[in-house]
Amino acid sequence: MSLVMTQTTIQYTLKHEFLSEILKLYHGMDLPLYDNHFGPRIYSEFQKLSLVVLFRRSKKVLRDFIAELFESK
């Protein structure tokens, strides 16, 4: 039994230049859409990568960054 993995392309209408750059970076790295094949798929790898990039760009402490995320809902 062989497991064939395929890359799923995320379809997105580009509205923000920053988000389009993250999307290009994500596809350029050839990452799978979901890393966990057997467990629950709550967040995609693209969403996780986007949060890490936003966190690093904010140059804030993690606690302040999370508080800002809750405020922006």
Protein backbone atom coordinates (compact mmCIF):
# COMPACT_ATOMS: atom_id res chain seq x y z
CA MET A 1 0.00 0.00 0.00
CA SER A 2 1.57 3.30 -1.04
CA LEU A 3 0.45 6.66 0.20
CA VAL A 4 0.31 9.25 -2.57
CA MET A 5 0.44 12.83 -1.38
CA THR A 6 -0.67 15.66 -3.62
CA GLN A 7 -0.30 19.39 -3.19
CA THR A 8 -3.57 21.27 -2.91
CA THR A 9 -3.47 24.81 -4.24
CA ILE A 10 -5.33 27.33 -2.12
CA GLN A 11 -7.65 29.45 -4.23
CA TYR A 12 -7.74 33.00 -2.96
CA THR A 13 -8.71 36.34 -4.41
CA LEU A 14 -5.74 38.62 -3.82
CA LYS A 15 -6.78 41.72 -1.90
CA HIS A 16 -3.70 42.41 0.19
CA GLU A 17 -0.15 42.42 -1.10
CA PHE A 18 1.20 41.02 2.18
CA LEU A 19 -1.19 38.08 2.13
CA SER A 20 -0.34 37.34 -1.50
CA GLU A 21 3.37 37.26 -0.60
CA ILE A 22 2.70 34.79 2.23
CA LEU A 23 0.69 32.65 -0.18
CA LYS A 24 3.54 32.66 -2.72
CA LEU A 25 6.00 31.74 0.03
CA TYR A 26 3.76 28.91 1.21
CA HIS A 27 3.40 27.41 -2.27
CA GLY A 28 7.09 27.95 -2.98
CA MET A 29 8.01 25.85 0.06
CA ASP A 30 5.77 23.01 -1.22
CA LEU A 31 4.10 22.52 2.15
CA PRO A 32 1.09 20.19 2.49
CA LEU A 33 -2.26 21.78 3.26
CA TYR A 34 -2.60 19.75 6.47
CA ASP A 35 0.31 18.21 8.33
CA ASN A 36 -1.81 15.86 10.44
CA HIS A 37 -3.35 13.14 8.26
CA PHE A 38 -5.19 11.18 10.95
CA GLY A 39 -6.24 13.71 13.59
CA PRO A 40 -8.63 16.65 13.50
CA ARG A 41 -7.89 19.32 10.91
CA ILE A 42 -8.67 22.51 12.75
CA TYR A 43 -6.08 24.88 11.23
CA SER A 44 -4.30 24.48 7.90
CA GLU A 45 -0.55 24.82 7.61
CA PHE A 46 -1.10 28.05 5.66
CA GLN A 47 -2.99 29.55 8.61
CA LYS A 48 -0.24 28.49 11.03
CA LEU A 49 2.50 29.93 8.81
CA SER A 50 0.56 33.19 8.46
CA LEU A 51 0.26 33.53 12.24
CA VAL A 52 3.97 32.97 12.73
CA VAL A 53 4.83 35.58 10.10
CA LEU A 54 2.39 38.11 11.60
CA PHE A 55 3.76 37.44 15.08
CA ARG A 56 7.36 37.97 13.95
CA ARG A 57 6.46 41.16 12.05
CA SER A 58 4.65 42.62 15.05
CA LYS A 59 7.80 42.40 17.24
CA LYS A 60 5.56 42.02 20.28
CA VAL A 61 5.64 39.68 23.22
CA LEU A 62 3.51 36.59 22.62
CA ARG A 63 1.04 37.56 25.35
CA ASP A 64 0.44 40.99 23.77
CA PHE A 65 0.14 39.47 20.29
CA ILE A 66 -2.52 37.01 21.46
CA ALA A 67 -4.42 39.78 23.24
CA GLU A 68 -4.38 41.80 20.03
CA LEU A 69 -5.77 38.81 18.11
CA PHE A 70 -8.70 38.54 20.50
CA GLU A 71 -9.37 42.29 20.16
CA SER A 72 -9.40 42.13 16.36
CA LYS A 73 -12.20 39.52 16.14
